[in-house]
Structures are given as C-alpha cells and as structure tokens.
Amino acid sequence: MIRIALLGAGLIGREHAELIQTHPGAELAAICDPSPEGKALAERLSVPHFSAYVEALEKTRPDGAIIALPNRLHEAAALACIDRGIASLVEKPVADTVAAGARIAEASEDRGVPVLVGHHRRHSPDIRAAKKSIAAGELGGLVAVNGMTLFDKPEPYFQAEWRRQPGGGPLLINLIHDIDALRHLVGEIESVRAFTSSAVRGFAVEDTASIAIRFRNGVLGSFVISDAAVSPWAWEYCSGQALYHPSQPGPCLFIAGRKAALSVSDMYLWRHAEQDHHWQHPLLREHRPGDGSRTYVNQLDHFLAVIRREAAPLISARDGLATLAATLAVEMAAREDRTVTLDEMLATAGQRAVA
C-alpha cells in the first residue's frame, strides 16, 4: 500500500481523500489542515490529523503527498516534500508566481524527486483520445484552434472577498486548465494578446476575457472565457468528468488541421472522403470516443506510479510552470494592452519554456 499524506482539506482536498480511501493500492497516512473541518474529516476517516505540514511529514513519513493548500503555500510545502525525498502532487497552479514555480522545478530536478502538477484534464479520456488522434496524424499539420469556457457562477460564490479582487477571477482559477490542455494538444505557446471585462458584476476582477494565441509551431488560436454566462460550452460540462458539475455532452474545443478537424469533448473527427477533396465537397463525420475511464482515478493511478518511480510525471513542475507563465501572460496582456511573450514571462525568473 502506498501511504499518502493530504496537505489541505478544502473542497478538492476532500475529494482526494475520498479517492485515496477507495483506491485498493493507496491509503491516507495523514490529513494536515488547521481548520475544524480538516480535523473532523481526519476523525471521520480515522487517520492522524495535523495542523502543520512539516510535522505531518516528519511524524508519518509518507510515500507521497498531495498538496491542496492555498496557492501561496505551494512552494514551501513542495520544497518540504522534496527535501525529504517525498514525491508530491501539487494542485494547480504549481505556485502563485513564476519565480516560485521555477524554484520548485529546479529543486525537483536537482534532487531527483518528482513533482506532479494537478492539471487533471491530461488524464481525462477525451483529452487522451484527442492527443492520440493528433499524434497519429489524423488531422495532418495543425492550423488553428478555437475554444470556450462559459458558465455562470452564483452570487454566494463571490461572498469571499478574494474572489472579487484581481487574481480571484476565471483567468487564474479556470482558464489555467484550458491553457494547459491547449499546450498539451496543440503545442507550446509563443505569445498572447487578450481583452478582459468586468462589465457584468463591476468587480475589480474580470468576469469575461477573450484571448488570441500564437503557438511556436505557427498554429493560431482563440479562446473566450466567462464565469457570468449561461451555456453548456465548458469542459466541466461537455466531458462529463467534473466532480461538481452536471454532464452536458457536446463540444467546447475545436482543432483544425490540413487533413481533418476534431471537436472535443464530443470527439467527432471531420474529414474529406478523398485526398483531393476540398471545401466544395461534403465531409465525413467519425467518432473518436475515449476509453470510459474516470479522470481523477486516472490521475491517482498515475501519481501512484510516480511515487513508485515507475513513471515520470505527466505534468512535471517545469511543465506546470510553463502553463502558469502562459496564464499570467494573458492577465498581463489584458492589463497592459499589448502582446506578451512566454519568453518574457519566464525571463523574469531566469527560466526557459519547456522544450
């Protein structure tokens, strides 16, 4: 049995606890969370409870740790795990700043202790199927991509003051998942341009954004996101894989290539019947379904393999750093009304993009 310490027992932390408890190859070594809710969860699951993560790591000596703490605490907790040779799964974002993410990546690489970043969509059957189709050359050379994440968060969600302030909006909370999926499927991002608006709620933080993306391989993309719009067009709905949202099967991402186009998450491939056909010929529609697996179970299975040193992290700390830098570039591009490159973002911490 692989023993895992859970650092942070908030909404996603509690889901991790339940997944570990029901997994035949894992067990909870400890829950570390100073809140009464964290202590109650530990008591309910009959596992040791701690208020300080260093004490939890020292006293329980787990095989791995899941870091589901507030973003500003990711760096210190990840470094504490690395110092003790403990593989960790760090919930997204890898850190709250590019510099902090860079320090985690460097420590992980220097010490040879793996860090897996919790961009769970890469473990989702629809994203897996899309990656397989692209890698197999079914779409040919990629040309363009377009996507959207549109949903309506309720008023009580914004009772927390930090969600009404810069950094608490859909860019860093939600778009970061889409950015990671785009990097995974399409390629590394070269630069972004963006516009944001807070016209719906009038908060200091954005509620809507539109983004133009240039990828290093020449692909161009666009994306729109809002947490103030009613729609079924978001991965959380379309994939049927989210923990807290209803399933609304359909597409939310469209990838077009020289040979075919693919819609995700409904996973339809559109292609010509003959190689010499063009825009005046009808298209054939073929289904490319996933394997029916569950995203978060897949992620835990992978993390166990990482802990056992049987697999390299699918999303390493450096990979997660590139996703964080690209997401922060969107915020900067909108705020400063200019194009922002990933090289510029990473240079602030003396880093380079993932090759």
Protein backbone atom coordinates (compact mmCIF):
# COMPACT_ATOMS: atom_id res chain seq x y z
CA MET A 1 0.00 0.00 0.00
CA ILE A 2 1.23 3.47 -0.92
CA ARG A 3 0.81 5.86 2.01
CA ILE A 4 -0.19 9.39 1.05
CA ALA A 5 -0.38 12.48 3.25
CA LEU A 6 -3.03 15.05 2.32
CA LEU A 7 -1.94 18.64 2.91
CA GLY A 8 -5.08 20.75 2.73
CA ALA A 9 -8.64 19.55 3.27
CA GLY A 10 -10.64 22.08 1.31
CA LEU A 11 -13.08 21.23 -1.48
CA ILE A 12 -10.61 19.43 -3.77
CA GLY A 13 -8.65 18.07 -0.80
CA ARG A 14 -11.72 16.27 0.48
CA GLU A 15 -12.22 14.72 -2.95
CA HIS A 16 -8.62 13.49 -2.93
CA ALA A 17 -9.22 11.95 0.49
CA GLU A 18 -12.25 10.04 -0.73
CA LEU A 19 -10.41 8.82 -3.83
CA ILE A 20 -7.47 7.56 -1.75
CA GLN A 21 -9.78 5.84 0.71
CA THR A 22 -11.49 3.88 -2.06
CA HIS A 23 -8.32 3.01 -4.01
CA PRO A 24 -7.09 -0.57 -3.46
CA GLY A 25 -3.43 0.45 -3.70
CA ALA A 26 -3.36 3.54 -1.52
CA GLU A 27 -4.12 4.68 2.00
CA LEU A 28 -4.22 8.01 3.79
CA ALA A 29 -1.22 8.47 6.05
CA ALA A 30 -2.37 11.81 7.48
CA ILE A 31 -4.54 14.86 6.92
CA CYS A 32 -2.96 18.22 7.56
CA ASP A 33 -5.34 21.17 7.83
CA PRO A 34 -5.69 23.56 10.78
CA SER A 35 -9.43 24.10 10.27
CA PRO A 36 -12.13 22.34 12.33
CA GLU A 37 -13.37 20.82 9.07
CA GLY A 38 -9.95 19.27 8.46
CA LYS A 39 -9.88 17.75 11.94
CA ALA A 40 -13.42 16.43 11.52
CA LEU A 41 -12.51 14.82 8.19
CA ALA A 42 -9.49 13.11 9.76
CA GLU A 43 -11.65 11.81 12.60
CA ARG A 44 -14.32 10.56 10.20
CA LEU A 45 -11.71 8.71 8.12
CA SER A 46 -9.76 7.53 11.19
CA VAL A 47 -6.41 8.97 10.11
CA PRO A 48 -3.90 11.13 12.03
CA HIS A 49 -4.60 14.85 11.99
CA PHE A 50 -2.00 17.64 11.96
CA SER A 51 -2.14 21.43 11.80
CA ALA A 52 1.40 21.87 10.41
CA TYR A 53 2.56 20.05 7.28
CA VAL A 54 6.20 19.75 8.38
CA GLU A 55 5.10 17.90 11.50
CA ALA A 56 2.82 15.69 9.40
CA LEU A 57 5.66 14.79 7.03
CA GLU A 58 8.16 14.17 9.84
CA LYS A 59 5.91 12.05 12.02
CA THR A 60 4.16 9.95 9.38
CA ARG A 61 6.93 9.65 6.75
CA PRO A 62 4.50 9.10 3.84
CA ASP A 63 5.46 7.70 0.45
CA GLY A 64 3.79 10.63 -1.26
CA ALA A 65 1.92 13.83 -0.51
CA ILE A 66 -0.93 15.71 -2.17
CA ILE A 67 -0.59 19.47 -1.76
CA ALA A 68 -4.03 21.09 -1.89
CA LEU A 69 -3.14 24.17 0.14
CA PRO A 70 -3.73 27.83 -0.83
CA ASN A 71 -1.58 28.78 -3.84
CA ARG A 72 0.83 30.94 -1.83
CA LEU A 73 1.77 27.89 0.28
CA HIS A 74 2.54 25.55 -2.63
CA GLU A 75 6.20 26.47 -2.86
CA ALA A 76 7.09 25.93 0.80
CA ALA A 77 5.11 22.69 1.02
CA ALA A 78 6.54 21.30 -2.23
CA LEU A 79 10.10 22.14 -1.13
CA ALA A 80 9.46 20.47 2.22
CA CYS A 81 8.45 17.30 0.39
CA ILE A 82 11.41 17.48 -1.99
CA ASP A 83 13.84 17.94 0.93
CA ARG A 84 12.53 14.69 2.40
CA GLY A 85 12.53 12.74 -0.87
CA ILE A 86 8.73 12.58 -0.94
CA ALA A 87 7.03 12.69 -4.33
CA SER A 88 4.18 15.19 -4.41
CA LEU A 89 1.08 16.02 -6.40
CA VAL A 90 0.69 19.81 -6.32
CA GLU A 91 -2.76 21.07 -7.19
CA LYS A 92 -2.82 23.73 -9.89
CA PRO A 93 -1.28 26.22 -10.22
CA VAL A 94 2.14 24.85 -9.40
CA ALA A 95 2.76 28.09 -7.45
CA ASP A 96 1.43 31.61 -7.11
CA THR A 97 4.26 33.24 -9.11
CA VAL A 98 6.59 32.26 -11.94
CA ALA A 99 9.60 32.68 -9.64
CA ALA A 100 8.12 30.35 -7.02
CA GLY A 101 7.23 27.78 -9.66
CA ALA A 102 10.78 27.96 -11.01
CA ARG A 103 12.21 27.23 -7.56
CA ILE A 104 10.02 24.15 -7.25
CA ALA A 105 11.04 22.93 -10.71
CA GLU A 106 14.74 23.46 -10.02
CA ALA A 107 14.62 21.70 -6.65
CA SER A 108 12.70 18.76 -8.12
CA GLU A 109 15.22 18.37 -10.95
CA ASP A 110 18.30 18.91 -8.78
CA ARG A 111 17.20 16.43 -6.12
CA GLY A 112 15.60 13.92 -8.47
CA VAL A 113 12.34 13.99 -6.50
CA PRO A 114 9.26 14.01 -8.78
CA VAL A 115 6.55 16.65 -8.63
CA LEU A 116 3.28 16.03 -10.47
CA VAL A 117 1.10 19.10 -11.09
CA GLY A 118 -2.64 18.53 -10.81
CA HIS A 119 -3.77 19.59 -14.26
CA HIS A 120 -6.24 16.74 -14.24
CA ARG A 121 -7.57 17.16 -17.79
CA ARG A 122 -4.49 15.49 -19.22
CA HIS A 123 -5.73 12.32 -17.51
CA SER A 124 -9.23 12.68 -19.00
CA PRO A 125 -10.33 10.15 -21.64
CA ASP A 126 -11.43 12.85 -24.09
CA ILE A 127 -8.11 14.72 -23.93
CA ARG A 128 -6.26 11.40 -24.17
CA ALA A 129 -8.26 10.47 -27.28
CA ALA A 130 -7.64 13.89 -28.82
CA LYS A 131 -3.91 13.65 -28.15
CA LYS A 132 -3.82 10.18 -29.70
CA SER A 133 -5.64 11.35 -32.82
CA ILE A 134 -3.33 14.34 -33.29
CA ALA A 135 -0.19 12.29 -32.63
CA ALA A 136 -1.34 9.68 -35.17
CA GLY A 137 -1.50 12.38 -37.83
CA GLU A 138 -5.24 12.09 -38.40
CA LEU A 139 -5.61 15.88 -38.51
CA GLY A 140 -2.45 16.45 -40.53
CA GLY A 141 -0.49 19.59 -39.73
CA LEU A 142 -2.45 21.70 -37.26
CA VAL A 143 -3.63 25.10 -38.48
CA ALA A 144 -6.00 26.67 -35.95
CA VAL A 145 -7.79 26.08 -32.66
CA ASN A 146 -10.82 27.72 -31.06
CA GLY A 147 -12.36 27.08 -27.67
CA MET A 148 -14.59 28.36 -24.91
CA THR A 149 -15.34 28.04 -21.22
CA LEU A 150 -18.63 29.74 -20.39
CA PHE A 151 -20.59 29.19 -17.19
CA ASP A 152 -22.49 31.15 -14.56
CA LYS A 153 -21.14 31.19 -11.01
CA PRO A 154 -23.79 32.02 -8.38
CA GLU A 155 -23.80 35.15 -6.22
CA PRO A 156 -22.85 33.32 -2.98
CA TYR A 157 -19.60 32.24 -4.65
CA PHE A 158 -18.43 35.85 -4.50
CA GLN A 159 -19.10 36.36 -0.80
CA ALA A 160 -15.42 35.55 -0.27
CA GLU A 161 -13.63 38.89 -0.65
CA TRP A 162 -10.64 37.42 -2.54
CA ARG A 163 -12.93 36.25 -5.37
CA ARG A 164 -13.86 39.87 -6.08
CA GLN A 165 -10.25 41.01 -6.32
CA PRO A 166 -7.56 40.61 -9.03
CA GLY A 167 -6.36 37.01 -9.12
CA GLY A 168 -9.71 35.63 -7.97
CA GLY A 169 -11.38 35.56 -11.37
CA PRO A 170 -11.77 33.00 -14.15
CA LEU A 171 -8.27 33.55 -15.59
CA LEU A 172 -6.22 32.02 -12.78
CA ILE A 173 -8.98 29.78 -11.42
CA ASN A 174 -10.43 28.34 -14.65
CA LEU A 175 -8.53 29.41 -17.77
CA ILE A 176 -5.32 27.84 -16.48
CA HIS A 177 -6.87 24.40 -17.12
CA ASP A 178 -7.71 25.34 -20.70
CA ILE A 179 -4.24 26.79 -21.27
CA ASP A 180 -2.69 23.54 -20.08
CA ALA A 181 -4.93 21.46 -22.35
CA LEU A 182 -4.05 23.71 -25.32
CA ARG A 183 -0.32 23.37 -24.62
CA HIS A 184 -0.71 19.60 -24.35
CA LEU A 185 -2.71 19.17 -27.54
CA VAL A 186 -1.52 21.96 -29.85
CA GLY A 187 2.00 22.87 -28.72
CA GLU A 188 3.98 25.45 -26.79
CA ILE A 189 2.59 28.97 -26.70
CA GLU A 190 4.75 31.74 -28.16
CA SER A 191 2.68 34.82 -27.29
CA VAL A 192 -0.78 36.02 -26.31
CA ARG A 193 -2.98 39.08 -26.68
CA ALA A 194 -6.09 39.50 -24.54
CA PHE A 195 -9.02 41.68 -23.52
CA THR A 196 -10.86 41.42 -20.22
CA SER A 197 -14.11 42.89 -18.94
CA SER A 198 -15.84 43.25 -15.58
CA ALA A 199 -18.96 44.79 -17.07
CA VAL A 200 -21.36 42.18 -15.68
CA ARG A 201 -20.56 42.41 -11.97
CA GLY A 202 -18.40 45.51 -11.79
CA PHE A 203 -15.83 43.85 -9.52
CA ALA A 204 -12.14 44.69 -9.55
CA VAL A 205 -11.57 41.26 -11.09
CA GLU A 206 -12.54 40.22 -14.61
CA ASP A 207 -15.66 38.17 -15.32
CA THR A 208 -15.05 37.72 -19.07
CA ALA A 209 -11.98 37.51 -21.31
CA SER A 210 -11.10 36.88 -24.94
CA ILE A 211 -7.64 35.66 -25.89
CA ALA A 212 -5.65 35.42 -29.13
CA ILE A 213 -2.82 32.87 -29.04
CA ARG A 214 0.21 32.31 -31.27
CA PHE A 215 1.85 28.90 -30.84
CA ARG A 216 5.53 28.29 -31.52
CA ASN A 217 4.65 25.84 -34.31
CA GLY A 218 2.74 28.53 -36.22
CA VAL A 219 -0.76 27.49 -35.16
CA LEU A 220 -3.09 30.37 -34.27
CA GLY A 221 -5.82 30.11 -31.68
CA SER A 222 -8.60 32.00 -29.96
CA PHE A 223 -10.39 31.41 -26.68
CA VAL A 224 -13.22 33.06 -24.76
CA ILE A 225 -13.99 32.55 -21.08
CA SER A 226 -16.62 33.92 -18.70
CA ASP A 227 -18.00 32.97 -15.31
CA ALA A 228 -21.07 35.16 -15.87
CA ALA A 229 -22.66 33.50 -18.93
CA VAL A 230 -25.18 30.68 -19.20
CA SER A 231 -24.01 27.95 -21.59
CA PRO A 232 -23.20 24.24 -21.86
CA TRP A 233 -19.83 25.01 -23.53
CA ALA A 234 -17.16 24.21 -20.98
CA TRP A 235 -15.04 21.13 -20.39
CA GLU A 236 -16.63 20.69 -16.97
CA TYR A 237 -19.98 20.05 -18.66
CA CYS A 238 -19.01 18.60 -22.03
CA SER A 239 -16.62 15.94 -20.75
CA GLY A 240 -18.91 14.52 -18.08
CA GLN A 241 -15.77 14.17 -15.95
CA ALA A 242 -16.04 17.07 -13.50
CA LEU A 243 -16.66 16.39 -9.82
CA TYR A 244 -19.14 19.18 -9.14
CA HIS A 245 -20.99 19.84 -12.40
CA PRO A 246 -23.70 18.09 -14.42
CA SER A 247 -22.90 16.35 -17.67
CA GLN A 248 -23.95 18.26 -20.80
CA PRO A 249 -22.36 16.28 -23.67
CA GLY A 250 -21.12 18.39 -26.54
CA PRO A 251 -18.10 20.28 -27.89
CA CYS A 252 -16.10 23.07 -26.24
CA LEU A 253 -12.84 22.94 -28.21
CA PHE A 254 -12.30 22.81 -31.98
CA ILE A 255 -8.97 21.83 -33.54
CA ALA A 256 -8.48 22.13 -37.31
CA GLY A 257 -5.71 20.66 -39.42
CA ARG A 258 -4.77 20.19 -43.05
CA LYS A 259 -6.43 16.76 -43.23
CA ALA A 260 -9.26 16.88 -40.69
CA ALA A 261 -10.84 18.70 -37.76
CA LEU A 262 -11.67 17.42 -34.29
CA SER A 263 -14.24 18.63 -31.77
CA VAL A 264 -13.64 17.99 -28.06
CA SER A 265 -15.30 16.68 -25.84
CA ASP A 266 -17.88 15.03 -28.11
CA MET A 267 -14.91 13.64 -30.05
CA TYR A 268 -16.06 13.88 -33.65
CA LEU A 269 -13.49 13.85 -36.44
CA TRP A 270 -14.50 15.61 -39.67
CA ARG A 271 -12.59 14.71 -42.85
CA HIS A 272 -12.88 14.50 -46.63
CA ALA A 273 -13.66 11.16 -48.24
CA GLU A 274 -10.89 11.61 -50.80
CA GLN A 275 -7.46 13.23 -50.54
CA ASP A 276 -8.10 15.67 -53.39
CA HIS A 277 -11.44 16.90 -51.98
CA HIS A 278 -11.80 20.47 -50.73
CA TRP A 279 -14.31 22.98 -49.37
CA GLN A 280 -16.85 22.23 -52.11
CA HIS A 281 -17.11 18.58 -51.07
CA PRO A 282 -19.07 17.18 -48.13
CA LEU A 283 -17.26 15.99 -45.03
CA LEU A 284 -17.45 12.63 -43.32
CA ARG A 285 -18.01 12.52 -39.55
CA GLU A 286 -16.35 9.78 -37.49
CA HIS A 287 -16.41 9.24 -33.74
CA ARG A 288 -13.20 9.01 -31.70
CA PRO A 289 -14.53 8.09 -28.24
CA GLY A 290 -12.49 7.87 -25.07
CA ASP A 291 -11.97 4.70 -23.06
CA GLY A 292 -14.71 5.31 -20.50
CA SER A 293 -12.27 5.82 -17.62
CA ARG A 294 -12.56 8.47 -14.89
CA THR A 295 -10.22 11.46 -14.87
CA TYR A 296 -9.44 11.70 -11.16
CA VAL A 297 -8.99 7.94 -10.78
CA ASN A 298 -6.58 8.02 -13.71
CA GLN A 299 -4.67 10.86 -12.06
CA LEU A 300 -4.36 8.95 -8.78
CA ASP A 301 -3.23 5.80 -10.61
CA HIS A 302 -0.56 7.84 -12.36
CA PHE A 303 0.54 9.50 -9.13
CA LEU A 304 1.00 6.10 -7.50
CA ALA A 305 3.24 5.09 -10.43
CA VAL A 306 5.19 8.34 -9.97
CA ILE A 307 5.62 7.63 -6.25
CA ARG A 308 6.93 4.14 -7.05
CA ARG A 309 9.29 5.78 -9.60
CA GLU A 310 7.73 3.67 -12.33
CA ALA A 311 6.66 6.70 -14.40
CA ALA A 312 7.79 10.26 -14.93
CA PRO A 313 5.17 12.89 -14.07
CA LEU A 314 2.84 13.54 -16.99
CA ILE A 315 2.87 17.20 -15.91
CA SER A 316 6.18 17.98 -14.21
CA ALA A 317 6.84 21.10 -12.16
CA ARG A 318 8.58 22.69 -15.16
CA ASP A 319 5.66 21.80 -17.40
CA GLY A 320 3.27 23.30 -14.85
CA LEU A 321 5.50 26.38 -14.71
CA ALA A 322 5.02 26.94 -18.46
CA THR A 323 1.24 26.71 -18.03
CA LEU A 324 1.35 29.18 -15.13
CA ALA A 325 3.52 31.60 -17.14
CA ALA A 326 1.16 31.42 -20.13
CA THR A 327 -1.87 32.11 -17.93
CA LEU A 328 -0.18 35.03 -16.19
CA ALA A 329 0.79 36.32 -19.65
CA VAL A 330 -2.92 36.54 -20.52
CA GLU A 331 -3.55 38.67 -17.44
CA MET A 332 -0.58 40.93 -18.25
CA ALA A 333 -1.56 41.25 -21.91
CA ALA A 334 -5.03 42.43 -20.97
CA ARG A 335 -3.83 44.76 -18.21
CA GLU A 336 -1.11 46.39 -20.31
CA ASP A 337 -2.97 46.21 -23.65
CA ARG A 338 -0.11 44.60 -25.57
CA THR A 339 1.24 41.30 -26.83
CA VAL A 340 3.12 39.34 -24.17
CA THR A 341 5.54 36.51 -24.99
CA LEU A 342 6.24 33.44 -22.90
CA ASP A 343 9.96 34.13 -23.14
CA GLU A 344 9.33 37.46 -21.45
CA MET A 345 7.33 35.85 -18.64
CA LEU A 346 9.90 33.14 -17.97
CA ALA A 347 12.84 35.51 -18.22
CA THR A 348 11.63 37.24 -15.06
CA ALA A 349 12.72 34.12 -13.20
CA GLY A 350 15.65 33.25 -15.44
CA GLN A 351 13.76 30.30 -16.90
CA ARG A 352 13.08 28.97 -20.36
CA ALA A 353 9.96 27.38 -21.78
CA VAL A 354 9.51 23.62 -21.84
CA ALA A 355 11.16 22.23 -24.98
